[in-house]
Amino acid sequence: MNKLEKLKGMIDEENYPYFDDEYLQARIDQIGQVEGITLESIARDLCLIKAGIEEIKLGDITIPSPRNHFLMLASGYRTNQTGVVVRVDGR
């Protein structure tokens, strides 16, 4: 499984397609070029973006927002699972 397929699985792109492959690959290409960028940090950012998807109304059919689903996924990719905020300056 390549990184693109893995990232798509991590952000549930199969059930909630939102990003095109070129955008996802551009984000993956940042790994190693920008300090602190990992596949998990990218997945967290993309899940937070997807959490902003509003509910959709099509006539009398309402598709609910997947907000909670993507917030739950994003929380799994946090690097600091202690719940404690770490300062940037290290103090």
Protein backbone atom coordinates (compact mmCIF):
# COMPACT_ATOMS: atom_id res chain seq x y z
CA MET A 1 0.00 0.00 0.00
CA ASN A 2 1.49 3.35 -1.01
CA LYS A 3 1.27 6.53 1.06
CA LEU A 4 -1.59 7.97 -1.02
CA GLU A 5 -3.78 4.90 -0.46
CA LYS A 6 -2.88 4.85 3.24
CA LEU A 7 -3.76 8.54 3.64
CA LYS A 8 -7.07 8.03 1.86
CA GLY A 9 -7.88 5.23 4.30
CA MET A 10 -6.87 7.35 7.28
CA ILE A 11 -9.24 10.19 6.29
CA ASP A 12 -12.10 7.91 5.17
CA GLU A 13 -11.95 9.20 1.62
CA GLU A 14 -13.82 6.13 0.36
CA ASN A 15 -17.03 7.01 2.21
CA TYR A 16 -16.64 10.81 2.19
CA PRO A 17 -14.69 11.81 -0.95
CA TYR A 18 -13.61 15.43 -0.70
CA PHE A 19 -10.02 15.87 -1.92
CA ASP A 20 -8.57 15.04 -5.31
CA ASP A 21 -5.49 12.82 -5.64
CA GLU A 22 -3.25 15.67 -6.81
CA TYR A 23 -3.93 17.70 -3.66
CA LEU A 24 -3.36 14.70 -1.41
CA GLN A 25 -0.12 13.84 -3.21
CA ALA A 26 1.09 17.44 -2.87
CA ARG A 27 0.49 17.22 0.89
CA ILE A 28 2.33 13.88 1.05
CA ASP A 29 5.27 15.43 -0.83
CA GLN A 30 5.72 17.85 2.09
CA ILE A 31 6.88 14.96 4.29
CA GLY A 32 10.62 15.35 4.80
CA GLN A 33 10.67 18.83 3.29
CA VAL A 34 8.95 20.64 6.15
CA GLU A 35 9.93 19.79 9.72
CA GLY A 36 7.21 18.13 11.77
CA ILE A 37 5.09 17.05 8.81
CA THR A 38 4.15 13.39 9.03
CA LEU A 39 1.43 11.30 7.43
CA GLU A 40 -0.44 11.41 10.75
CA SER A 41 -0.23 15.22 11.00
CA ILE A 42 -1.50 15.54 7.44
CA ALA A 43 -4.37 13.13 8.19
CA ARG A 44 -5.27 15.16 11.29
CA ASP A 45 -5.36 18.43 9.32
CA LEU A 46 -7.46 16.91 6.55
CA CYS A 47 -9.92 15.36 9.03
CA LEU A 48 -10.35 18.76 10.67
CA ILE A 49 -11.09 20.27 7.26
CA LYS A 50 -13.64 17.54 6.58
CA ALA A 51 -15.22 18.17 10.00
CA GLY A 52 -16.36 21.52 8.61
CA ILE A 53 -18.62 19.91 6.00
CA GLU A 54 -22.16 21.17 6.56
CA GLU A 55 -25.29 19.05 6.34
CA ILE A 56 -26.73 18.81 2.84
CA LYS A 57 -30.41 19.20 1.96
CA LEU A 58 -31.62 17.70 -1.30
CA GLY A 59 -35.33 18.43 -1.49
CA ASP A 60 -36.85 16.67 1.50
CA ILE A 61 -33.77 14.51 2.12
CA THR A 62 -31.20 15.73 4.65
CA ILE A 63 -27.70 14.25 4.79
CA PRO A 64 -26.27 15.00 8.25
CA SER A 65 -22.86 16.57 8.75
CA PRO A 66 -20.07 14.03 9.38
CA ARG A 67 -18.47 16.46 11.88
CA ASN A 68 -18.28 14.10 14.87
CA HIS A 69 -16.89 11.28 12.76
CA PHE A 70 -14.00 13.40 11.49
CA LEU A 71 -13.29 15.00 14.87
CA MET A 72 -12.99 11.50 16.32
CA LEU A 73 -10.61 10.48 13.52
CA ALA A 74 -8.54 13.65 13.96
CA SER A 75 -8.18 13.06 17.69
CA GLY A 76 -6.62 9.69 16.96
CA TYR A 77 -3.81 11.34 14.99
CA ARG A 78 -2.80 13.81 17.72
CA THR A 79 0.86 13.50 18.63
CA ASN A 80 0.26 14.57 22.25
CA GLN A 81 -2.34 12.19 23.68
CA THR A 82 -1.92 13.47 27.27
CA GLY A 83 -4.33 16.36 26.83
CA VAL A 84 -1.65 18.74 28.08
CA VAL A 85 -0.76 21.66 25.84
CA VAL A 86 2.94 21.83 25.03
CA ARG A 87 4.44 25.27 24.52
CA VAL A 88 6.35 25.95 21.33
CA ASP A 89 9.27 27.50 23.19
CA GLY A 90 9.68 24.36 25.33
CA ARG A 91 9.01 25.95 28.75
